[in-house]
């Protein structure tokens, strides 16, 4: 008699008595819990993918703006014009 046959015989006797082994009950509960988690993941995954795409667009936009600002800092300042300020009164001595 092989190992598989012994296992099947054991479970047949347990079921005949109307009992389920604790290990099988724990495994069945774990299976239910894992199926629930998988269902939740299936619902959440598309939203997470959309979020990633939105974040990638934002990073790309910010990278472009950052590069533009860096370019403006390295360009000659000929485009900037200093406006005359108000004369300051002489300080009392």
Protein backbone atom coordinates (compact mmCIF):
# COMPACT_ATOMS: atom_id res chain seq x y z
CA UNK A 1 0.00 0.00 0.00
CA UNK A 2 1.46 3.37 -1.03
CA UNK A 3 1.62 6.61 0.89
CA UNK A 4 -1.18 8.11 -1.19
CA UNK A 5 -3.41 5.12 -0.42
CA UNK A 6 -2.73 5.44 3.32
CA UNK A 7 -3.56 9.13 3.24
CA UNK A 8 -6.80 8.52 1.35
CA UNK A 9 -7.76 5.72 3.74
CA UNK A 10 -7.08 7.98 6.73
CA UNK A 11 -9.26 10.78 5.36
CA UNK A 12 -12.00 8.32 4.37
CA UNK A 13 -12.13 7.06 7.98
CA UNK A 14 -12.20 10.60 9.35
CA UNK A 15 -15.02 11.61 7.03
CA UNK A 16 -16.92 8.44 7.85
CA UNK A 17 -16.89 9.51 11.51
CA UNK A 18 -18.17 12.92 10.49
CA UNK A 19 -15.07 14.73 11.68
CA UNK A 20 -12.63 16.90 9.82
CA UNK A 21 -9.03 16.99 10.99
CA UNK A 22 -7.88 20.27 12.53
CA UNK A 23 -5.19 20.61 9.90
CA UNK A 24 -7.78 20.37 7.13
CA UNK A 25 -10.03 22.91 8.84
CA UNK A 26 -7.09 25.33 9.17
CA UNK A 27 -6.17 24.82 5.52
CA UNK A 28 -9.74 25.42 4.37
CA UNK A 29 -9.92 28.65 6.40
CA UNK A 30 -6.58 29.72 4.93
CA UNK A 31 -7.85 29.01 1.42
CA UNK A 32 -10.94 31.17 2.01
CA UNK A 33 -8.79 33.98 3.38
CA UNK A 34 -6.38 33.78 0.43
CA UNK A 35 -9.25 33.86 -2.06
CA UNK A 36 -10.61 36.99 -0.36
CA UNK A 37 -7.19 38.64 -0.51
CA UNK A 38 -6.83 37.72 -4.16
CA UNK A 39 -10.22 39.23 -4.96
CA UNK A 40 -9.24 42.45 -3.18
CA UNK A 41 -5.94 42.55 -5.07
CA UNK A 42 -7.79 42.06 -8.36
CA UNK A 43 -9.89 45.13 -7.61
CA UNK A 44 -6.97 47.26 -6.40
CA UNK A 45 -4.45 46.44 -9.12
CA UNK A 46 -6.02 48.45 -11.98
CA UNK A 47 -6.24 51.54 -9.75
CA UNK A 48 -2.60 51.18 -8.77
CA UNK A 49 -1.60 50.89 -12.43
CA UNK A 50 -3.53 54.08 -13.22
CA UNK A 51 -1.84 55.82 -10.28
CA UNK A 52 1.59 54.79 -11.57
CA UNK A 53 0.82 56.23 -15.01
CA UNK A 54 -0.32 59.52 -13.46
CA UNK A 55 2.78 59.71 -11.29
CA UNK A 56 5.02 59.03 -14.29
CA UNK A 57 3.37 61.88 -16.19
CA UNK A 58 3.90 64.22 -13.22
CA UNK A 59 7.56 63.21 -12.89
CA UNK A 60 8.13 63.75 -16.61
CA UNK A 61 6.48 67.19 -16.45
CA UNK A 62 8.51 68.22 -13.41
CA UNK A 63 11.72 66.96 -15.02
CA UNK A 64 11.00 69.05 -18.11
CA UNK A 65 10.24 72.15 -16.03
CA UNK A 66 13.38 71.60 -13.95
CA UNK A 67 15.51 71.37 -17.10
CA UNK A 68 13.94 74.57 -18.47
CA UNK A 69 14.69 76.40 -15.24
CA UNK A 70 18.29 75.15 -15.27
CA UNK A 71 18.65 76.34 -18.85
CA UNK A 72 17.37 79.79 -17.89
CA UNK A 73 19.95 79.99 -15.09
CA UNK A 74 22.82 79.23 -17.47
CA UNK A 75 21.69 81.63 -20.23
CA UNK A 76 23.24 85.11 -20.41
CA UNK A 77 21.39 87.62 -18.29
CA UNK A 78 20.91 90.06 -21.17
CA UNK A 79 17.18 89.49 -21.08
CA UNK A 80 16.87 90.75 -17.52
CA UNK A 81 16.53 94.43 -16.90
CA UNK A 82 17.17 96.04 -13.53
CA UNK A 83 14.54 98.58 -12.62
CA UNK A 84 15.65 101.72 -10.88
CA UNK A 85 14.93 101.64 -7.18
CA UNK A 86 13.71 104.47 -4.99
CA UNK A 87 16.44 106.73 -3.68
CA UNK A 88 17.24 106.04 -0.10
CA UNK A 89 17.38 109.00 2.29
CA UNK A 90 20.79 109.71 3.79
CA UNK A 91 21.27 108.03 7.08
CA UNK A 92 21.56 110.34 10.10
CA UNK A 93 24.98 110.44 11.66
